[in-house]
Each structure stands twice: as C-alpha cells, then as structure tokens.
N, C-alpha and C. Protein backbone atom coordinates (compact mmCIF):
# COMPACT_ATOMS: atom_id res chain seq x y z
N MET A 1 36.66 11.26 53.88
CA MET A 1 37.37 10.96 52.66
C MET A 1 37.03 11.97 51.55
N GLN A 2 35.71 12.29 51.43
CA GLN A 2 35.31 13.25 50.39
C GLN A 2 35.91 14.62 50.65
N GLY A 3 36.00 15.02 51.89
CA GLY A 3 36.58 16.31 52.24
C GLY A 3 38.05 16.37 51.89
N LYS A 4 38.77 15.26 52.11
CA LYS A 4 40.19 15.20 51.78
C LYS A 4 40.39 15.27 50.27
N THR A 5 39.57 14.58 49.51
CA THR A 5 39.67 14.59 48.05
C THR A 5 39.36 15.97 47.51
N ALA A 6 38.34 16.61 48.06
CA ALA A 6 37.97 17.96 47.62
C ALA A 6 39.11 18.93 47.89
N ARG A 7 39.77 18.81 49.08
CA ARG A 7 40.89 19.68 49.41
C ARG A 7 42.06 19.46 48.45
N LEU A 8 42.35 18.22 48.12
CA LEU A 8 43.43 17.92 47.19
C LEU A 8 43.15 18.51 45.80
N ILE A 9 41.92 18.37 45.37
CA ILE A 9 41.54 18.94 44.07
C ILE A 9 41.67 20.47 44.12
N PHE A 10 41.20 21.07 45.21
CA PHE A 10 41.30 22.52 45.36
C PHE A 10 42.75 22.97 45.34
N LEU A 11 43.62 22.27 46.06
CA LEU A 11 45.04 22.63 46.09
C LEU A 11 45.68 22.49 44.72
N ALA A 12 45.34 21.42 44.03
CA ALA A 12 45.91 21.21 42.69
C ALA A 12 45.46 22.32 41.74
N LEU A 13 44.19 22.64 41.76
CA LEU A 13 43.67 23.72 40.91
C LEU A 13 44.29 25.06 41.28
N SER A 14 44.44 25.31 42.56
CA SER A 14 45.05 26.56 43.01
C SER A 14 46.48 26.67 42.50
N PHE A 15 47.21 25.56 42.54
CA PHE A 15 48.58 25.56 42.05
C PHE A 15 48.63 25.94 40.58
N PHE A 16 47.75 25.36 39.78
CA PHE A 16 47.77 25.64 38.34
C PHE A 16 47.25 27.04 38.02
N ILE A 17 46.32 27.51 38.78
CA ILE A 17 45.72 28.82 38.49
C ILE A 17 46.62 29.95 38.97
N PHE A 18 47.21 29.83 40.16
CA PHE A 18 47.95 30.93 40.75
C PHE A 18 49.46 30.79 40.66
N ASN A 19 49.95 29.77 40.03
CA ASN A 19 51.39 29.56 39.87
C ASN A 19 51.93 30.60 38.89
N PRO A 20 52.95 31.39 39.27
CA PRO A 20 53.51 32.42 38.37
C PRO A 20 53.99 31.84 37.04
N ALA A 21 54.55 30.65 37.07
CA ALA A 21 55.01 30.04 35.82
C ALA A 21 53.83 29.77 34.89
N MET A 22 52.72 29.37 35.46
CA MET A 22 51.52 29.12 34.64
C MET A 22 50.99 30.44 34.07
N LEU A 23 51.04 31.50 34.87
CA LEU A 23 50.58 32.80 34.38
C LEU A 23 51.47 33.28 33.25
N ALA A 24 52.78 33.07 33.38
CA ALA A 24 53.70 33.46 32.31
C ALA A 24 53.42 32.65 31.06
N ALA A 25 53.14 31.37 31.22
CA ALA A 25 52.82 30.52 30.07
C ALA A 25 51.54 31.00 29.41
N ALA A 26 50.59 31.45 30.20
CA ALA A 26 49.33 31.95 29.62
C ALA A 26 49.60 33.21 28.81
N ASP A 27 50.54 34.06 29.27
CA ASP A 27 50.90 35.26 28.53
C ASP A 27 51.54 34.90 27.20
N GLN A 28 52.29 33.79 27.16
CA GLN A 28 52.96 33.35 25.94
C GLN A 28 51.98 32.69 24.96
N SER A 29 50.77 32.38 25.42
CA SER A 29 49.86 31.61 24.57
C SER A 29 49.43 32.36 23.32
N LEU A 30 49.47 33.69 23.33
CA LEU A 30 49.10 34.44 22.14
C LEU A 30 49.99 34.06 20.97
N PHE A 31 51.27 34.04 21.19
CA PHE A 31 52.25 33.62 20.19
C PHE A 31 53.14 32.62 20.92
N SER A 32 52.90 31.35 20.73
CA SER A 32 53.52 30.33 21.56
C SER A 32 54.99 30.08 21.26
N SER A 33 55.59 30.83 20.38
CA SER A 33 57.00 30.58 20.07
C SER A 33 57.90 31.27 21.07
N PRO A 34 59.00 30.63 21.44
CA PRO A 34 59.97 31.28 22.34
C PRO A 34 60.74 32.36 21.60
N ALA A 35 61.51 33.13 22.34
CA ALA A 35 62.30 34.21 21.74
C ALA A 35 63.17 33.64 20.62
N GLY A 36 63.17 34.34 19.50
CA GLY A 36 64.00 33.93 18.38
C GLY A 36 63.35 32.96 17.43
N ALA A 37 62.27 32.34 17.83
CA ALA A 37 61.61 31.37 16.95
C ALA A 37 60.44 32.04 16.26
N PRO A 38 60.17 31.68 15.01
CA PRO A 38 59.04 32.29 14.33
C PRO A 38 57.71 31.78 14.89
N SER A 39 56.73 32.65 14.87
CA SER A 39 55.40 32.25 15.32
C SER A 39 54.65 31.62 14.15
N GLY A 40 53.45 31.21 14.42
CA GLY A 40 52.59 30.76 13.34
C GLY A 40 52.11 31.95 12.54
N LYS A 41 51.33 31.68 11.54
CA LYS A 41 50.78 32.76 10.72
C LYS A 41 49.79 33.57 11.53
N VAL A 42 49.85 34.88 11.35
CA VAL A 42 48.85 35.77 11.94
C VAL A 42 48.44 36.77 10.86
N ARG A 43 47.21 37.22 10.93
CA ARG A 43 46.69 38.14 9.91
C ARG A 43 46.75 39.57 10.43
N VAL A 44 47.23 40.46 9.59
CA VAL A 44 47.28 41.88 9.93
C VAL A 44 45.91 42.47 9.62
N GLN A 45 45.23 42.92 10.65
CA GLN A 45 43.91 43.52 10.48
C GLN A 45 44.03 44.93 9.92
N ARG A 46 45.00 45.70 10.51
CA ARG A 46 45.12 47.10 10.10
C ARG A 46 46.53 47.58 10.37
N VAL A 47 47.00 48.47 9.52
CA VAL A 47 48.29 49.12 9.74
C VAL A 47 47.99 50.43 10.47
N ILE A 48 48.57 50.59 11.64
CA ILE A 48 48.35 51.79 12.44
C ILE A 48 49.34 52.87 12.03
N SER A 49 50.59 52.47 11.83
CA SER A 49 51.64 53.37 11.34
C SER A 49 52.65 52.50 10.61
N ALA A 50 53.66 53.10 10.04
CA ALA A 50 54.64 52.34 9.28
C ALA A 50 55.44 51.38 10.16
N ASP A 51 55.36 51.53 11.48
CA ASP A 51 56.08 50.61 12.37
C ASP A 51 55.18 49.91 13.39
N THR A 52 53.86 50.03 13.26
CA THR A 52 52.94 49.42 14.21
C THR A 52 51.75 48.80 13.48
N LEU A 53 51.46 47.55 13.85
CA LEU A 53 50.39 46.79 13.21
C LEU A 53 49.36 46.37 14.24
N LEU A 54 48.12 46.25 13.81
CA LEU A 54 47.07 45.69 14.63
C LEU A 54 46.72 44.34 14.03
N LEU A 55 46.87 43.30 14.83
CA LEU A 55 46.60 41.96 14.34
C LEU A 55 45.12 41.62 14.46
N GLU A 56 44.74 40.54 13.82
CA GLU A 56 43.36 40.06 13.82
C GLU A 56 42.83 39.82 15.24
N ASN A 57 43.72 39.46 16.16
CA ASN A 57 43.31 39.21 17.54
C ASN A 57 43.36 40.47 18.41
N ASN A 58 43.46 41.65 17.77
CA ASN A 58 43.49 42.97 18.42
C ASN A 58 44.76 43.25 19.21
N GLU A 59 45.82 42.51 18.98
CA GLU A 59 47.11 42.79 19.60
C GLU A 59 47.88 43.74 18.70
N ARG A 60 48.55 44.71 19.31
CA ARG A 60 49.41 45.64 18.57
C ARG A 60 50.83 45.09 18.56
N VAL A 61 51.47 45.18 17.42
CA VAL A 61 52.85 44.73 17.29
C VAL A 61 53.68 45.86 16.73
N HIS A 62 54.79 46.12 17.40
CA HIS A 62 55.73 47.16 16.96
C HIS A 62 56.89 46.47 16.26
N LEU A 63 57.31 46.98 15.10
CA LEU A 63 58.42 46.40 14.37
C LEU A 63 59.73 46.76 15.06
N ILE A 64 60.53 45.75 15.38
CA ILE A 64 61.81 45.94 16.07
C ILE A 64 62.81 46.63 15.14
N GLY A 65 63.57 47.57 15.70
CA GLY A 65 64.71 48.14 15.00
C GLY A 65 64.45 49.39 14.20
N LEU A 66 63.24 49.91 14.25
CA LEU A 66 63.00 51.12 13.48
C LEU A 66 62.01 52.04 14.18
N LYS A 67 62.09 53.29 13.83
CA LYS A 67 61.14 54.30 14.32
C LYS A 67 60.61 55.01 13.09
N ALA A 68 59.33 54.80 12.83
CA ALA A 68 58.73 55.34 11.62
C ALA A 68 58.36 56.81 11.77
N LEU A 69 58.12 57.41 10.64
CA LEU A 69 57.62 58.78 10.61
C LEU A 69 56.23 58.81 11.23
N PRO A 70 55.80 59.95 11.73
CA PRO A 70 54.45 60.02 12.30
C PRO A 70 53.40 59.68 11.23
N THR A 71 52.33 59.05 11.67
CA THR A 71 51.25 58.71 10.76
C THR A 71 50.61 59.99 10.24
N PRO A 72 50.32 60.05 8.94
CA PRO A 72 49.70 61.27 8.41
C PRO A 72 48.33 61.49 9.04
N GLU A 73 48.06 62.75 9.27
CA GLU A 73 46.74 63.08 9.83
C GLU A 73 45.69 62.96 8.75
N ILE A 74 44.55 62.45 9.15
CA ILE A 74 43.44 62.34 8.20
C ILE A 74 42.78 63.70 8.10
N ALA A 75 42.78 64.23 6.91
CA ALA A 75 42.23 65.57 6.70
C ALA A 75 40.71 65.56 6.87
N THR A 76 40.22 66.68 7.35
CA THR A 76 38.77 66.80 7.45
C THR A 76 38.19 66.97 6.06
N VAL A 77 37.02 66.47 5.88
CA VAL A 77 36.37 66.53 4.57
C VAL A 77 35.70 67.89 4.42
N GLU A 78 36.04 68.56 3.33
CA GLU A 78 35.39 69.85 3.03
C GLU A 78 34.33 69.63 1.96
N ARG A 79 33.25 70.37 2.09
CA ARG A 79 32.14 70.24 1.12
C ARG A 79 31.81 71.61 0.54
N ASP A 80 31.34 71.58 -0.69
CA ASP A 80 30.92 72.84 -1.32
C ASP A 80 29.50 73.16 -0.90
N GLN A 81 28.94 74.22 -1.48
CA GLN A 81 27.61 74.68 -1.10
C GLN A 81 26.51 73.68 -1.41
N HIS A 82 26.79 72.71 -2.28
CA HIS A 82 25.79 71.70 -2.63
C HIS A 82 26.00 70.39 -1.88
N GLY A 83 27.01 70.36 -1.00
CA GLY A 83 27.27 69.16 -0.21
C GLY A 83 28.24 68.18 -0.85
N PHE A 84 28.79 68.52 -2.00
CA PHE A 84 29.75 67.64 -2.64
C PHE A 84 31.12 67.80 -1.98
N VAL A 85 31.84 66.68 -1.91
CA VAL A 85 33.17 66.69 -1.30
C VAL A 85 34.14 67.42 -2.22
N ILE A 86 34.90 68.34 -1.63
CA ILE A 86 35.94 69.05 -2.38
C ILE A 86 37.23 68.26 -2.19
N GLU A 87 37.73 67.70 -3.26
CA GLU A 87 38.96 66.92 -3.18
C GLU A 87 40.15 67.82 -3.44
N LYS A 88 41.05 67.81 -2.48
CA LYS A 88 42.26 68.59 -2.64
C LYS A 88 43.26 67.70 -3.37
N THR A 89 43.79 68.21 -4.43
CA THR A 89 44.79 67.44 -5.17
C THR A 89 46.16 68.01 -4.88
N THR A 90 47.06 67.14 -4.57
CA THR A 90 48.43 67.55 -4.36
C THR A 90 49.28 66.79 -5.36
N PRO A 91 50.31 67.40 -5.87
CA PRO A 91 51.11 66.73 -6.87
C PRO A 91 51.83 65.48 -6.34
N MET A 92 52.10 65.44 -5.04
CA MET A 92 52.83 64.32 -4.49
C MET A 92 52.40 64.06 -3.05
N ASP A 93 52.33 62.78 -2.69
CA ASP A 93 52.04 62.44 -1.30
C ASP A 93 53.22 62.83 -0.43
N SER A 94 52.94 63.18 0.82
CA SER A 94 54.02 63.47 1.76
C SER A 94 54.78 62.17 2.04
N LEU A 95 55.97 62.30 2.56
CA LEU A 95 56.77 61.13 2.89
C LEU A 95 56.06 60.26 3.93
N GLU A 96 55.37 60.88 4.88
CA GLU A 96 54.61 60.14 5.88
C GLU A 96 53.53 59.29 5.22
N GLU A 97 52.83 59.89 4.24
CA GLU A 97 51.79 59.15 3.53
C GLU A 97 52.39 58.02 2.69
N GLN A 98 53.51 58.27 2.06
CA GLN A 98 54.17 57.23 1.27
C GLN A 98 54.56 56.05 2.16
N ALA A 99 55.14 56.33 3.32
CA ALA A 99 55.56 55.28 4.25
C ALA A 99 54.35 54.47 4.73
N PHE A 100 53.32 55.17 5.16
CA PHE A 100 52.11 54.51 5.65
C PHE A 100 51.48 53.66 4.55
N ASN A 101 51.35 54.23 3.35
CA ASN A 101 50.73 53.50 2.25
C ASN A 101 51.55 52.29 1.80
N PHE A 102 52.88 52.41 1.86
CA PHE A 102 53.74 51.29 1.50
C PHE A 102 53.48 50.10 2.43
N VAL A 103 53.50 50.35 3.74
CA VAL A 103 53.30 49.27 4.70
C VAL A 103 51.87 48.76 4.63
N LYS A 104 50.92 49.66 4.44
CA LYS A 104 49.52 49.25 4.33
C LYS A 104 49.31 48.32 3.13
N GLU A 105 49.86 48.69 2.00
CA GLU A 105 49.72 47.85 0.80
C GLU A 105 50.43 46.51 0.97
N LEU A 106 51.57 46.53 1.64
CA LEU A 106 52.36 45.32 1.83
C LEU A 106 51.69 44.35 2.80
N LEU A 107 51.02 44.86 3.85
CA LEU A 107 50.60 43.99 4.95
C LEU A 107 49.12 43.93 5.27
N GLU A 108 48.38 45.00 5.05
CA GLU A 108 47.01 45.03 5.55
C GLU A 108 46.15 43.93 4.94
N GLY A 109 45.51 43.14 5.82
CA GLY A 109 44.64 42.06 5.39
C GLY A 109 45.39 40.80 4.98
N LYS A 110 46.71 40.81 5.16
CA LYS A 110 47.52 39.67 4.72
C LYS A 110 48.10 38.93 5.92
N TYR A 111 48.56 37.73 5.66
CA TYR A 111 49.17 36.91 6.71
C TYR A 111 50.67 37.15 6.77
N VAL A 112 51.18 37.18 8.00
CA VAL A 112 52.60 37.37 8.24
C VAL A 112 53.07 36.38 9.30
N TYR A 113 54.38 36.25 9.39
CA TYR A 113 55.01 35.49 10.46
C TYR A 113 55.72 36.49 11.35
N LEU A 114 55.61 36.29 12.65
CA LEU A 114 56.30 37.14 13.61
C LEU A 114 57.46 36.35 14.20
N GLU A 115 58.57 37.03 14.40
CA GLU A 115 59.70 36.41 15.07
C GLU A 115 60.11 37.32 16.20
N PHE A 116 60.28 36.73 17.37
CA PHE A 116 60.60 37.51 18.56
C PHE A 116 62.08 37.41 18.87
N ASP A 117 62.56 38.42 19.57
CA ASP A 117 63.96 38.43 19.99
C ASP A 117 63.99 38.22 21.50
N THR A 118 65.05 38.61 22.13
CA THR A 118 65.23 38.40 23.56
C THR A 118 64.11 39.03 24.38
N GLN A 119 63.75 40.26 24.07
CA GLN A 119 62.73 40.98 24.81
C GLN A 119 61.47 41.07 23.95
N LYS A 120 60.44 40.34 24.35
CA LYS A 120 59.22 40.26 23.55
C LYS A 120 58.35 41.52 23.66
N LYS A 121 58.42 42.19 24.80
CA LYS A 121 57.61 43.40 25.01
C LYS A 121 58.52 44.54 25.42
N ASP A 122 58.15 45.77 25.01
CA ASP A 122 58.93 46.93 25.41
C ASP A 122 58.48 47.43 26.77
N GLU A 123 59.04 48.56 27.20
CA GLU A 123 58.72 49.09 28.53
C GLU A 123 57.26 49.50 28.68
N ASP A 124 56.58 49.72 27.57
CA ASP A 124 55.15 50.04 27.60
C ASP A 124 54.29 48.81 27.39
N PHE A 125 54.90 47.62 27.43
CA PHE A 125 54.24 46.33 27.28
C PHE A 125 53.66 46.10 25.89
N HIS A 126 54.22 46.76 24.88
CA HIS A 126 53.82 46.51 23.50
C HIS A 126 54.64 45.35 22.96
N ILE A 127 54.01 44.49 22.20
CA ILE A 127 54.71 43.36 21.60
C ILE A 127 55.66 43.89 20.54
N GLN A 128 56.89 43.38 20.54
CA GLN A 128 57.90 43.75 19.55
C GLN A 128 58.24 42.51 18.74
N ALA A 129 58.36 42.67 17.43
CA ALA A 129 58.65 41.50 16.60
C ALA A 129 59.32 41.90 15.30
N TYR A 130 59.99 40.92 14.72
CA TYR A 130 60.44 41.01 13.34
C TYR A 130 59.29 40.42 12.53
N VAL A 131 58.94 41.04 11.42
CA VAL A 131 57.78 40.63 10.64
C VAL A 131 58.24 40.18 9.26
N PHE A 132 57.71 39.03 8.84
CA PHE A 132 58.02 38.46 7.53
C PHE A 132 56.70 38.18 6.82
N THR A 133 56.61 38.54 5.53
CA THR A 133 55.38 38.26 4.79
C THR A 133 55.26 36.76 4.55
N GLU A 134 54.03 36.29 4.50
CA GLU A 134 53.80 34.87 4.28
C GLU A 134 54.16 34.47 2.85
N LYS A 135 53.77 35.31 1.91
CA LYS A 135 53.89 34.95 0.50
C LYS A 135 55.34 34.78 0.04
N ASP A 136 56.17 35.80 0.25
CA ASP A 136 57.54 35.72 -0.28
C ASP A 136 58.60 35.89 0.81
N LYS A 137 58.19 35.85 2.07
CA LYS A 137 59.10 35.93 3.22
C LYS A 137 59.92 37.22 3.25
N THR A 138 59.35 38.31 2.74
CA THR A 138 60.00 39.62 2.80
C THR A 138 60.19 40.02 4.26
N PHE A 139 61.39 40.45 4.61
CA PHE A 139 61.69 40.93 5.95
C PHE A 139 61.21 42.38 6.02
N VAL A 140 60.02 42.58 6.55
CA VAL A 140 59.35 43.88 6.51
C VAL A 140 60.14 44.96 7.24
N ASN A 141 60.69 44.66 8.41
CA ASN A 141 61.45 45.65 9.18
C ASN A 141 62.56 46.25 8.31
N ALA A 142 63.30 45.37 7.64
CA ALA A 142 64.42 45.83 6.79
C ALA A 142 63.90 46.55 5.56
N GLU A 143 62.81 46.10 4.99
CA GLU A 143 62.29 46.72 3.77
C GLU A 143 61.81 48.15 4.02
N VAL A 144 61.20 48.39 5.17
CA VAL A 144 60.77 49.76 5.52
C VAL A 144 62.01 50.67 5.64
N LEU A 145 63.06 50.15 6.26
CA LEU A 145 64.30 50.93 6.37
C LEU A 145 64.95 51.15 5.01
N ARG A 146 64.96 50.11 4.16
CA ARG A 146 65.59 50.19 2.84
C ARG A 146 64.90 51.23 1.95
N LYS A 147 63.60 51.42 2.13
CA LYS A 147 62.86 52.43 1.36
C LYS A 147 63.06 53.83 1.93
N GLY A 148 63.69 53.92 3.11
CA GLY A 148 63.91 55.22 3.73
C GLY A 148 62.68 55.75 4.44
N TYR A 149 61.78 54.86 4.85
CA TYR A 149 60.53 55.27 5.49
C TYR A 149 60.60 55.26 7.01
N ALA A 150 61.78 55.02 7.58
CA ALA A 150 61.93 55.00 9.03
C ALA A 150 63.38 55.26 9.38
N SER A 151 63.59 55.63 10.63
CA SER A 151 64.94 55.78 11.16
C SER A 151 65.34 54.48 11.84
N LEU A 152 66.62 54.22 11.85
CA LEU A 152 67.15 53.05 12.53
C LEU A 152 67.05 53.29 14.03
N HIS A 153 66.53 52.29 14.75
CA HIS A 153 66.31 52.45 16.19
C HIS A 153 66.52 51.09 16.87
N ILE A 154 67.77 50.67 16.93
CA ILE A 154 68.09 49.36 17.50
C ILE A 154 68.40 49.53 18.98
N LEU A 155 67.70 48.77 19.80
CA LEU A 155 67.91 48.84 21.24
C LEU A 155 68.20 47.44 21.80
N PRO A 156 69.32 47.31 22.53
CA PRO A 156 69.59 46.03 23.18
C PRO A 156 68.45 45.72 24.15
N PRO A 157 68.11 44.50 24.38
CA PRO A 157 68.81 43.27 24.00
C PRO A 157 68.35 42.70 22.65
N ASN A 158 67.47 43.37 21.95
CA ASN A 158 66.96 42.83 20.67
C ASN A 158 67.92 43.15 19.53
N MET A 159 68.89 42.25 19.35
CA MET A 159 69.97 42.50 18.40
C MET A 159 70.09 41.43 17.31
N LYS A 160 69.16 40.50 17.25
CA LYS A 160 69.28 39.35 16.35
C LYS A 160 69.54 39.76 14.90
N TYR A 161 68.81 40.72 14.39
CA TYR A 161 68.95 41.15 13.00
C TYR A 161 69.56 42.55 12.88
N ALA A 162 70.31 42.98 13.89
CA ALA A 162 70.86 44.33 13.90
C ALA A 162 71.69 44.63 12.65
N GLU A 163 72.52 43.70 12.23
CA GLU A 163 73.36 43.94 11.06
C GLU A 163 72.53 44.07 9.78
N ARG A 164 71.51 43.24 9.62
CA ARG A 164 70.65 43.35 8.43
C ARG A 164 69.89 44.67 8.42
N LEU A 165 69.45 45.10 9.59
CA LEU A 165 68.72 46.37 9.68
C LEU A 165 69.66 47.55 9.40
N ARG A 166 70.87 47.50 9.92
CA ARG A 166 71.86 48.56 9.64
C ARG A 166 72.18 48.63 8.15
N ALA A 167 72.33 47.46 7.53
CA ALA A 167 72.64 47.41 6.09
C ALA A 167 71.50 48.01 5.28
N ALA A 168 70.26 47.72 5.65
CA ALA A 168 69.10 48.28 4.94
C ALA A 168 69.05 49.79 5.10
N TYR A 169 69.32 50.27 6.31
CA TYR A 169 69.33 51.71 6.58
C TYR A 169 70.43 52.41 5.79
N LEU A 170 71.63 51.83 5.77
CA LEU A 170 72.74 52.42 5.03
C LEU A 170 72.46 52.42 3.53
N SER A 171 71.78 51.40 3.05
CA SER A 171 71.40 51.34 1.64
C SER A 171 70.48 52.52 1.29
N ALA A 172 69.52 52.80 2.15
CA ALA A 172 68.60 53.93 1.93
C ALA A 172 69.36 55.25 1.94
N ARG A 173 70.32 55.37 2.82
CA ARG A 173 71.13 56.60 2.88
C ARG A 173 71.96 56.77 1.62
N GLN A 174 72.57 55.71 1.16
CA GLN A 174 73.41 55.78 -0.04
C GLN A 174 72.57 56.08 -1.29
N GLU A 175 71.38 55.50 -1.33
CA GLU A 175 70.50 55.70 -2.48
C GLU A 175 69.70 57.00 -2.36
N LYS A 176 69.82 57.66 -1.20
CA LYS A 176 69.05 58.89 -0.90
C LYS A 176 67.55 58.64 -1.03
N SER A 177 67.13 57.53 -0.48
CA SER A 177 65.71 57.15 -0.50
C SER A 177 64.97 57.73 0.70
N GLY A 178 63.71 58.07 0.49
CA GLY A 178 62.84 58.51 1.58
C GLY A 178 63.39 59.65 2.38
N LEU A 179 63.58 59.41 3.66
CA LEU A 179 64.07 60.42 4.60
C LEU A 179 65.41 61.03 4.18
N HIS A 180 66.18 60.26 3.44
CA HIS A 180 67.56 60.65 3.11
C HIS A 180 67.67 61.38 1.78
N GLY A 181 66.52 61.62 1.15
CA GLY A 181 66.52 62.32 -0.14
C GLY A 181 66.85 63.79 0.02
N ASP A 182 67.18 64.41 -1.09
CA ASP A 182 67.53 65.84 -1.07
C ASP A 182 66.31 66.71 -0.94
C-alpha cells in the first residue's frame, strides 16, 4: 500500500513539474498578466537606453514600437598633472544624451506599469511591453516618440497602440523635435 501511495505522489508531482503548461505558467509568473492586460507595479532599477529598462528583479524590458538612438558612450575620465579631473564642457548635449537623460529622469528608480501585447517576448527572448508611469499614467513609449528621441518601429503582431505611437511620431516630425530637427 505504501509503495502504491508513493508512486501516485511521484506521478502527481512529475505531472506538475514536467507538464509544459505548468512550465509556461511559471514563465508567466514574473508578470502574471495576460497579453493586453496591465501588470502590477514594478520598479525601474536602471535605464539602459532610451528604449530598454532594467527592472528591480533584473529583467530587461524593451519598449514596444520604437527604436531608440544608440546609448551615449561614457567618456573616459581625463586628469591633469595633479590628478584633478578635467571636465570637458560642451555647449549642448548630443541627441543621444538628451534621449537617454529624458528616459532616465522619467523612469529610473520609479514605479511603472507594464502592459503586454500579443507577443510578450521578441526573437531574442527580451520582454516587450508598453510602459506607463505610476504617478500620472504617462504612456512612455509614445512620449519618447513625441520628443523625437526614437524612430517608429512597429512590428506585428504587437499592434495594440500602433495608432497612438504613429500619432506621437508624426507629431515629432511636424514639430521638428529631436531626430527630425534641422
């Protein structure tokens, strides 16, 4: 009898552990919302680029619908003969720096809501999401485009906010903001 009970327990555990549906559910546990539904609050640990965030749980999230400018390179520190740092002053930040700093100021260390579309991960298995600020529900993907800090990059099947993203991009072009300036 004990052997039969042990086998039944083993089979039940094996079913739950090795069942593909259970493995898929475990993958969804990071952000338990289904496609199209907003997730709970998550904290942005660091902004990697104007279109990529590192969350508090060390997951990277790519903003759907845009392709940002390359992240500015961190300059090497130059020192004078006495070891003091020589600060190079430039009259204006590059567009890459402006884009990075805008997103960093908007999101770094703050809570956001993520909303997923049909395809939660891209071909490189990076999480893709629409991002909204917790405080005032700013649609970050559209705001980056509206400032002209990214190119429009909408790829099916993630089309939920395609029209809003196109409108933000066209607004930047009409206003000659960021990338679209003279």
